[in-house]
Amino acid sequence: MGDTLRLETRFTNSGTQTFYMFDEFCWNPGNLLNIHAFNASGKEVSGHSDFLRDCVPPPPSRDDTSRFIELEPGSFEASAEKFDVRELVPEPGEYDLVVNYRSVISKKWISEYGGPKLATLTIWTSEYPELVSNRLHITVKP
C-alpha cells in the first residue's frame, strides 16, 4: 500500500486520418484524464488522498496551433504520472484501473475563439466520444 505506481497513458491514432489533440494531458475530474479503480467484484472504489488532482489549463490563444499535438495514423503521444497506491485504492486486493479522456476543447469554442488556423485542423473535441483505456490489472499487497 505504500508503493508508488507510475502510470503511462498512451494515445494512439489507430485510424486512417491525421487529427490533433490539445496538448494538456493532466488529471482533472470530468475532463481530460480521469482514473477509475474497480475491485474484484467490479465495483468502483476510491483511495484516500489529501489533495485533489485537478488542473484548469488555459485555453490556447487565437490561431495558436502550437498547443495541439499532431497524431498521424499509427503515431502516439504519451503522458506519465506517479500515483501513491493509497490514492487509487482503499486497501490491499486485486484491482483493475481504467483511464478515461475527454477533450476540454469544443467545436463551438473553436468556431467562436479559435480563429481560422485552428478551424482548419481536425481537432479531437469534446463532441467526440470519451476515450477509454484498456484495463490494467494490479495486485496490491499490505
N, C-alpha and C. Protein backbone atom coordinates (compact mmCIF):
# COMPACT_ATOMS: atom_id res chain seq x y z
N MET A 1 0.81 -1.20 0.00
CA MET A 1 0.00 0.00 0.00
C MET A 1 0.85 1.26 0.00
N GLY A 2 2.10 1.16 0.41
CA GLY A 2 2.94 2.34 0.46
C GLY A 2 3.72 2.60 -0.81
N ASP A 3 3.49 1.81 -1.84
CA ASP A 3 4.24 1.96 -3.09
C ASP A 3 3.72 3.10 -3.95
N THR A 4 4.54 3.45 -4.91
CA THR A 4 4.17 4.43 -5.93
C THR A 4 3.98 3.69 -7.24
N LEU A 5 2.94 4.05 -7.97
CA LEU A 5 2.65 3.44 -9.27
C LEU A 5 2.87 4.49 -10.35
N ARG A 6 3.77 4.19 -11.29
CA ARG A 6 3.98 5.08 -12.44
C ARG A 6 3.06 4.60 -13.54
N LEU A 7 2.16 5.47 -13.94
CA LEU A 7 1.16 5.12 -14.94
C LEU A 7 1.42 5.92 -16.21
N GLU A 8 1.61 5.21 -17.30
CA GLU A 8 1.79 5.87 -18.59
C GLU A 8 0.51 5.71 -19.39
N THR A 9 -0.03 6.82 -19.83
CA THR A 9 -1.23 6.83 -20.65
C THR A 9 -0.80 7.18 -22.07
N ARG A 10 -1.14 6.30 -23.01
CA ARG A 10 -0.71 6.47 -24.40
C ARG A 10 -1.93 6.65 -25.29
N PHE A 11 -1.88 7.70 -26.10
CA PHE A 11 -2.93 7.97 -27.08
C PHE A 11 -2.39 7.55 -28.44
N THR A 12 -3.00 6.54 -29.04
CA THR A 12 -2.54 6.01 -30.32
C THR A 12 -3.59 6.27 -31.38
N ASN A 13 -3.17 6.81 -32.50
CA ASN A 13 -4.08 7.02 -33.62
C ASN A 13 -4.11 5.72 -34.43
N SER A 14 -5.16 4.94 -34.22
CA SER A 14 -5.30 3.68 -34.95
C SER A 14 -6.18 3.85 -36.19
N GLY A 15 -6.54 5.09 -36.50
CA GLY A 15 -7.37 5.38 -37.66
C GLY A 15 -6.54 5.61 -38.91
N THR A 16 -7.19 6.15 -39.92
CA THR A 16 -6.53 6.38 -41.21
C THR A 16 -6.32 7.86 -41.52
N GLN A 17 -6.77 8.74 -40.62
CA GLN A 17 -6.62 10.18 -40.85
C GLN A 17 -5.86 10.83 -39.70
N THR A 18 -5.13 11.87 -40.03
CA THR A 18 -4.42 12.66 -39.02
C THR A 18 -5.43 13.50 -38.24
N PHE A 19 -5.21 13.62 -36.94
CA PHE A 19 -6.01 14.54 -36.13
C PHE A 19 -5.10 15.18 -35.10
N TYR A 20 -5.62 16.16 -34.38
CA TYR A 20 -4.85 16.94 -33.41
C TYR A 20 -5.52 16.85 -32.05
N MET A 21 -4.69 16.80 -31.01
CA MET A 21 -5.19 16.80 -29.63
C MET A 21 -4.60 18.00 -28.90
N PHE A 22 -5.42 18.58 -28.03
CA PHE A 22 -4.96 19.66 -27.17
C PHE A 22 -3.81 19.13 -26.32
N ASP A 23 -2.76 19.92 -26.13
CA ASP A 23 -1.53 19.41 -25.51
C ASP A 23 -1.58 19.27 -23.99
N GLU A 24 -2.71 19.53 -23.37
CA GLU A 24 -2.83 19.38 -21.91
C GLU A 24 -3.33 17.99 -21.58
N PHE A 25 -2.46 17.15 -21.05
CA PHE A 25 -2.83 15.81 -20.60
C PHE A 25 -2.67 15.78 -19.09
N CYS A 26 -3.59 16.41 -18.39
CA CYS A 26 -3.49 16.44 -16.94
C CYS A 26 -4.72 15.79 -16.34
N TRP A 27 -4.64 15.50 -15.06
CA TRP A 27 -5.69 14.79 -14.35
C TRP A 27 -6.68 15.79 -13.81
N ASN A 28 -7.94 15.65 -14.21
CA ASN A 28 -8.96 16.62 -13.86
C ASN A 28 -10.32 15.92 -13.87
N PRO A 29 -10.98 15.82 -12.75
CA PRO A 29 -12.28 15.13 -12.71
C PRO A 29 -13.27 15.71 -13.72
N GLY A 30 -13.80 14.84 -14.57
CA GLY A 30 -14.80 15.27 -15.54
C GLY A 30 -14.25 15.56 -16.92
N ASN A 31 -13.07 16.11 -17.02
CA ASN A 31 -12.45 16.43 -18.30
C ASN A 31 -11.01 15.95 -18.29
N LEU A 32 -10.43 15.92 -19.44
CA LEU A 32 -9.05 15.49 -19.60
C LEU A 32 -8.89 14.06 -19.10
N LEU A 33 -7.92 13.77 -18.24
CA LEU A 33 -7.67 12.40 -17.79
C LEU A 33 -8.33 12.11 -16.45
N ASN A 34 -9.01 10.98 -16.36
CA ASN A 34 -9.65 10.51 -15.12
C ASN A 34 -9.29 9.06 -14.93
N ILE A 35 -8.94 8.68 -13.72
CA ILE A 35 -8.61 7.29 -13.43
C ILE A 35 -9.69 6.70 -12.54
N HIS A 36 -10.07 5.45 -12.86
CA HIS A 36 -11.09 4.73 -12.11
C HIS A 36 -10.51 3.39 -11.68
N ALA A 37 -10.78 2.99 -10.44
CA ALA A 37 -10.33 1.70 -9.91
C ALA A 37 -11.55 0.85 -9.60
N PHE A 38 -11.47 -0.43 -9.99
CA PHE A 38 -12.56 -1.38 -9.78
C PHE A 38 -12.02 -2.57 -8.99
N ASN A 39 -12.76 -2.97 -7.95
CA ASN A 39 -12.32 -4.12 -7.15
C ASN A 39 -12.64 -5.43 -7.87
N ALA A 40 -12.35 -6.55 -7.24
CA ALA A 40 -12.51 -7.87 -7.87
C ALA A 40 -13.96 -8.16 -8.24
N SER A 41 -14.93 -7.56 -7.56
CA SER A 41 -16.34 -7.79 -7.90
C SER A 41 -16.86 -6.79 -8.94
N GLY A 42 -15.99 -5.90 -9.42
CA GLY A 42 -16.37 -4.95 -10.46
C GLY A 42 -16.90 -3.63 -9.95
N LYS A 43 -16.94 -3.44 -8.63
CA LYS A 43 -17.44 -2.19 -8.05
C LYS A 43 -16.34 -1.13 -8.10
N GLU A 44 -16.72 0.09 -8.49
CA GLU A 44 -15.74 1.18 -8.49
C GLU A 44 -15.43 1.58 -7.06
N VAL A 45 -14.14 1.75 -6.78
CA VAL A 45 -13.69 2.12 -5.45
C VAL A 45 -12.76 3.32 -5.57
N SER A 46 -12.46 3.93 -4.45
CA SER A 46 -11.51 5.04 -4.48
C SER A 46 -10.57 4.95 -3.29
N GLY A 47 -9.43 5.52 -3.46
CA GLY A 47 -8.44 5.56 -2.40
C GLY A 47 -8.62 6.79 -1.54
N HIS A 48 -7.58 7.11 -0.82
CA HIS A 48 -7.61 8.26 0.08
C HIS A 48 -6.46 9.18 -0.27
N SER A 49 -6.77 10.45 -0.39
CA SER A 49 -5.74 11.42 -0.74
C SER A 49 -5.99 12.71 0.03
N ASP A 50 -4.91 13.40 0.32
CA ASP A 50 -5.03 14.69 1.00
C ASP A 50 -5.25 15.84 0.03
N PHE A 51 -5.23 15.53 -1.28
CA PHE A 51 -5.43 16.57 -2.28
C PHE A 51 -6.16 16.00 -3.47
N LEU A 52 -6.76 16.88 -4.25
CA LEU A 52 -7.48 16.51 -5.46
C LEU A 52 -6.59 16.82 -6.66
N ARG A 53 -6.32 15.81 -7.46
CA ARG A 53 -5.55 16.06 -8.69
C ARG A 53 -6.48 16.80 -9.64
N ASP A 54 -6.18 18.03 -9.86
CA ASP A 54 -7.06 18.87 -10.64
C ASP A 54 -6.23 19.91 -11.37
N CYS A 55 -6.57 20.17 -12.60
CA CYS A 55 -5.89 21.23 -13.34
C CYS A 55 -6.92 21.97 -14.17
N VAL A 56 -6.69 23.21 -14.39
CA VAL A 56 -7.53 24.01 -15.25
C VAL A 56 -6.59 24.67 -16.26
N PRO A 57 -6.34 23.98 -17.38
CA PRO A 57 -5.39 24.53 -18.33
C PRO A 57 -5.96 25.76 -19.03
N PRO A 58 -5.12 26.74 -19.29
CA PRO A 58 -5.59 27.91 -20.03
C PRO A 58 -5.88 27.50 -21.47
N PRO A 59 -6.91 28.06 -22.06
CA PRO A 59 -7.20 27.73 -23.45
C PRO A 59 -6.11 28.29 -24.36
N PRO A 60 -5.97 27.72 -25.54
CA PRO A 60 -4.98 28.26 -26.47
C PRO A 60 -5.39 29.66 -26.94
N SER A 61 -4.41 30.43 -27.31
CA SER A 61 -4.68 31.76 -27.88
C SER A 61 -5.24 31.59 -29.29
N ARG A 62 -5.87 32.63 -29.76
CA ARG A 62 -6.44 32.60 -31.11
C ARG A 62 -5.35 32.22 -32.12
N ASP A 63 -5.65 31.25 -32.96
CA ASP A 63 -4.77 30.76 -34.01
C ASP A 63 -3.47 30.15 -33.50
N ASP A 64 -3.42 29.76 -32.24
CA ASP A 64 -2.21 29.15 -31.68
C ASP A 64 -2.23 27.64 -31.91
N THR A 65 -1.73 27.22 -33.05
CA THR A 65 -1.69 25.80 -33.39
C THR A 65 -0.60 25.06 -32.63
N SER A 66 0.31 25.78 -31.97
CA SER A 66 1.41 25.13 -31.24
C SER A 66 0.90 24.37 -30.02
N ARG A 67 -0.32 24.64 -29.56
CA ARG A 67 -0.88 23.96 -28.39
C ARG A 67 -1.55 22.64 -28.73
N PHE A 68 -1.42 22.21 -29.98
CA PHE A 68 -2.05 20.97 -30.42
C PHE A 68 -1.00 20.00 -30.94
N ILE A 69 -1.18 18.73 -30.59
CA ILE A 69 -0.25 17.68 -30.99
C ILE A 69 -0.82 16.96 -32.19
N GLU A 70 -0.02 16.86 -33.23
CA GLU A 70 -0.44 16.16 -34.44
C GLU A 70 -0.25 14.65 -34.25
N LEU A 71 -1.31 13.91 -34.50
CA LEU A 71 -1.23 12.45 -34.42
C LEU A 71 -1.56 11.87 -35.80
N GLU A 72 -0.53 11.49 -36.50
CA GLU A 72 -0.71 10.85 -37.80
C GLU A 72 -1.13 9.40 -37.57
N PRO A 73 -1.72 8.75 -38.56
CA PRO A 73 -2.09 7.34 -38.40
C PRO A 73 -0.89 6.51 -37.95
N GLY A 74 -1.09 5.71 -36.91
CA GLY A 74 -0.03 4.85 -36.38
C GLY A 74 0.87 5.52 -35.36
N SER A 75 0.75 6.82 -35.16
CA SER A 75 1.61 7.50 -34.19
C SER A 75 0.91 7.57 -32.83
N PHE A 76 1.68 7.95 -31.82
CA PHE A 76 1.10 8.04 -30.48
C PHE A 76 1.75 9.19 -29.72
N GLU A 77 1.08 9.57 -28.65
CA GLU A 77 1.57 10.56 -27.69
C GLU A 77 1.33 9.96 -26.31
N ALA A 78 2.26 10.16 -25.39
CA ALA A 78 2.13 9.55 -24.07
C ALA A 78 2.30 10.58 -22.98
N SER A 79 1.69 10.27 -21.84
CA SER A 79 1.80 11.10 -20.65
C SER A 79 2.03 10.15 -19.48
N ALA A 80 2.96 10.48 -18.60
CA ALA A 80 3.25 9.63 -17.45
C ALA A 80 3.02 10.42 -16.16
N GLU A 81 2.53 9.71 -15.15
CA GLU A 81 2.25 10.32 -13.86
C GLU A 81 2.50 9.28 -12.76
N LYS A 82 2.95 9.75 -11.62
CA LYS A 82 3.13 8.85 -10.48
C LYS A 82 1.97 9.04 -9.50
N PHE A 83 1.48 7.91 -9.00
CA PHE A 83 0.40 7.91 -8.02
C PHE A 83 0.85 7.12 -6.80
N ASP A 84 0.52 7.59 -5.62
CA ASP A 84 0.63 6.76 -4.44
C ASP A 84 -0.51 5.75 -4.53
N VAL A 85 -0.22 4.50 -4.29
CA VAL A 85 -1.24 3.46 -4.39
C VAL A 85 -2.44 3.81 -3.51
N ARG A 86 -2.20 4.43 -2.36
CA ARG A 86 -3.29 4.81 -1.45
C ARG A 86 -4.27 5.80 -2.09
N GLU A 87 -3.78 6.57 -3.09
CA GLU A 87 -4.67 7.49 -3.79
C GLU A 87 -5.69 6.75 -4.63
N LEU A 88 -5.32 5.57 -5.10
CA LEU A 88 -6.13 4.86 -6.07
C LEU A 88 -7.08 3.83 -5.48
N VAL A 89 -6.62 3.11 -4.45
CA VAL A 89 -7.41 2.01 -3.90
C VAL A 89 -7.46 2.10 -2.37
N PRO A 90 -8.53 1.57 -1.75
CA PRO A 90 -8.69 1.73 -0.30
C PRO A 90 -7.92 0.74 0.56
N GLU A 91 -7.56 -0.43 -0.01
CA GLU A 91 -6.95 -1.49 0.80
C GLU A 91 -6.27 -2.50 -0.12
N PRO A 92 -5.49 -3.40 0.45
CA PRO A 92 -4.87 -4.45 -0.38
C PRO A 92 -5.94 -5.27 -1.10
N GLY A 93 -5.58 -5.79 -2.27
CA GLY A 93 -6.51 -6.61 -3.04
C GLY A 93 -6.19 -6.59 -4.52
N GLU A 94 -7.11 -7.12 -5.31
CA GLU A 94 -6.99 -7.17 -6.77
C GLU A 94 -7.84 -6.04 -7.35
N TYR A 95 -7.27 -5.29 -8.27
CA TYR A 95 -7.98 -4.15 -8.86
C TYR A 95 -7.71 -4.04 -10.35
N ASP A 96 -8.66 -3.46 -11.05
CA ASP A 96 -8.47 -3.06 -12.44
C ASP A 96 -8.53 -1.54 -12.48
N LEU A 97 -7.58 -0.94 -13.20
CA LEU A 97 -7.55 0.51 -13.39
C LEU A 97 -7.93 0.82 -14.82
N VAL A 98 -8.72 1.87 -14.99
CA VAL A 98 -9.16 2.33 -16.31
C VAL A 98 -9.00 3.84 -16.34
N VAL A 99 -8.45 4.36 -17.44
CA VAL A 99 -8.29 5.80 -17.61
C VAL A 99 -9.22 6.25 -18.73
N ASN A 100 -9.94 7.35 -18.48
CA ASN A 100 -10.81 7.96 -19.48
C ASN A 100 -10.25 9.32 -19.86
N TYR A 101 -10.48 9.71 -21.10
CA TYR A 101 -10.05 11.03 -21.57
C TYR A 101 -11.21 11.70 -22.29
N ARG A 102 -11.46 12.94 -21.95
CA ARG A 102 -12.43 13.78 -22.66
C ARG A 102 -11.77 15.12 -22.92
N SER A 103 -11.83 15.58 -24.14
CA SER A 103 -11.24 16.86 -24.51
C SER A 103 -11.98 18.01 -23.85
N VAL A 104 -11.26 19.07 -23.52
CA VAL A 104 -11.89 20.27 -22.96
C VAL A 104 -12.21 21.29 -24.05
N ILE A 105 -11.75 21.02 -25.26
CA ILE A 105 -11.98 21.94 -26.38
C ILE A 105 -13.21 21.48 -27.15
N SER A 106 -14.15 22.37 -27.37
CA SER A 106 -15.37 22.03 -28.11
C SER A 106 -15.33 22.65 -29.51
N LYS A 107 -16.16 22.13 -30.39
CA LYS A 107 -16.27 22.71 -31.74
C LYS A 107 -16.79 24.15 -31.65
N LYS A 108 -17.70 24.39 -30.71
CA LYS A 108 -18.24 25.74 -30.52
C LYS A 108 -17.12 26.71 -30.11
N TRP A 109 -16.24 26.27 -29.18
CA TRP A 109 -15.14 27.12 -28.76
C TRP A 109 -14.24 27.44 -29.95
N ILE A 110 -13.93 26.43 -30.75
CA ILE A 110 -13.06 26.64 -31.92
C ILE A 110 -13.70 27.64 -32.88
N SER A 111 -15.00 27.50 -33.14
CA SER A 111 -15.64 28.41 -34.09
C SER A 111 -15.74 29.83 -33.56
N GLU A 112 -15.90 30.00 -32.23
CA GLU A 112 -16.04 31.34 -31.66
C GLU A 112 -14.71 32.01 -31.32
N TYR A 113 -13.73 31.22 -30.85
CA TYR A 113 -12.49 31.82 -30.33
C TYR A 113 -11.21 31.29 -30.96
N GLY A 114 -11.28 30.19 -31.66
CA GLY A 114 -10.07 29.53 -32.15
C GLY A 114 -9.36 30.25 -33.28
N GLY A 115 -10.12 30.89 -34.15
CA GLY A 115 -9.52 31.56 -35.29
C GLY A 115 -9.42 30.66 -36.50
N PRO A 116 -9.11 31.24 -37.66
CA PRO A 116 -9.10 30.47 -38.91
C PRO A 116 -8.05 29.36 -38.97
N LYS A 117 -6.91 29.55 -38.31
CA LYS A 117 -5.89 28.50 -38.34
C LYS A 117 -6.36 27.24 -37.60
N LEU A 118 -6.95 27.42 -36.42
CA LEU A 118 -7.45 26.26 -35.68
C LEU A 118 -8.63 25.62 -36.39
N ALA A 119 -9.43 26.43 -37.07
CA ALA A 119 -10.61 25.91 -37.76
C ALA A 119 -10.22 24.94 -38.89
N THR A 120 -9.00 25.04 -39.40
CA THR A 120 -8.58 24.14 -40.49
C THR A 120 -8.08 22.80 -39.98
N LEU A 121 -7.79 22.68 -38.65
CA LEU A 121 -7.27 21.44 -38.09
C LEU A 121 -8.42 20.49 -37.72
N THR A 122 -8.18 19.20 -37.88
CA THR A 122 -9.12 18.19 -37.40
C THR A 122 -8.75 17.91 -35.94
N ILE A 123 -9.45 18.59 -35.03
CA ILE A 123 -9.12 18.53 -33.60
C ILE A 123 -10.07 17.56 -32.90
N TRP A 124 -9.50 16.73 -32.02
CA TRP A 124 -10.32 15.84 -31.19
C TRP A 124 -11.01 16.73 -30.16
N THR A 125 -12.30 16.95 -30.32
CA THR A 125 -13.05 17.87 -29.46
C THR A 125 -13.93 17.10 -28.48
N SER A 126 -14.57 17.84 -27.61
CA SER A 126 -15.44 17.23 -26.59
C SER A 126 -16.67 16.57 -27.20
N GLU A 127 -16.98 16.85 -28.46
CA GLU A 127 -18.12 16.20 -29.11
C GLU A 127 -17.81 14.75 -29.51
N TYR A 128 -16.54 14.41 -29.60
CA TYR A 128 -16.16 13.03 -29.91
C TYR A 128 -16.37 12.18 -28.67
N PRO A 129 -16.52 10.87 -28.86
CA PRO A 129 -16.72 10.01 -27.68
C PRO A 129 -15.53 10.07 -26.73
N GLU A 130 -15.82 9.84 -25.46
CA GLU A 130 -14.77 9.75 -24.46
C GLU A 130 -13.88 8.56 -24.81
N LEU A 131 -12.58 8.74 -24.67
CA LEU A 131 -11.64 7.66 -24.92
C LEU A 131 -11.47 6.86 -23.64
N VAL A 132 -11.46 5.54 -23.75
CA VAL A 132 -11.35 4.66 -22.58
C VAL A 132 -10.18 3.72 -22.80
N SER A 133 -9.31 3.63 -21.81
CA SER A 133 -8.13 2.77 -21.90
C SER A 133 -8.48 1.30 -21.75
N ASN A 134 -7.52 0.46 -22.06
CA ASN A 134 -7.61 -0.94 -21.69
C ASN A 134 -7.55 -1.01 -20.17
N ARG A 135 -8.03 -2.11 -19.61
CA ARG A 135 -7.94 -2.31 -18.16
C ARG A 135 -6.54 -2.77 -17.79
N LEU A 136 -6.03 -2.18 -16.72
CA LEU A 136 -4.74 -2.57 -16.17
C LEU A 136 -5.00 -3.26 -14.85
N HIS A 137 -4.63 -4.52 -14.74
CA HIS A 137 -4.87 -5.29 -13.52
C HIS A 137 -3.67 -5.15 -12.59
N ILE A 138 -3.95 -4.79 -11.33
CA ILE A 138 -2.87 -4.69 -10.34
C ILE A 138 -3.23 -5.50 -9.10
N THR A 139 -2.22 -5.97 -8.43
CA THR A 139 -2.38 -6.63 -7.14
C THR A 139 -1.68 -5.76 -6.10
N VAL A 140 -2.43 -5.37 -5.09
CA VAL A 140 -1.91 -4.50 -4.03
C VAL A 140 -1.75 -5.35 -2.77
N LYS A 141 -0.55 -5.38 -2.25
CA LYS A 141 -0.26 -6.15 -1.04
C LYS A 141 -0.07 -5.19 0.13
N PRO A 142 -0.31 -5.68 1.36
CA PRO A 142 -0.15 -4.81 2.53
C PRO A 142 1.27 -4.33 2.71
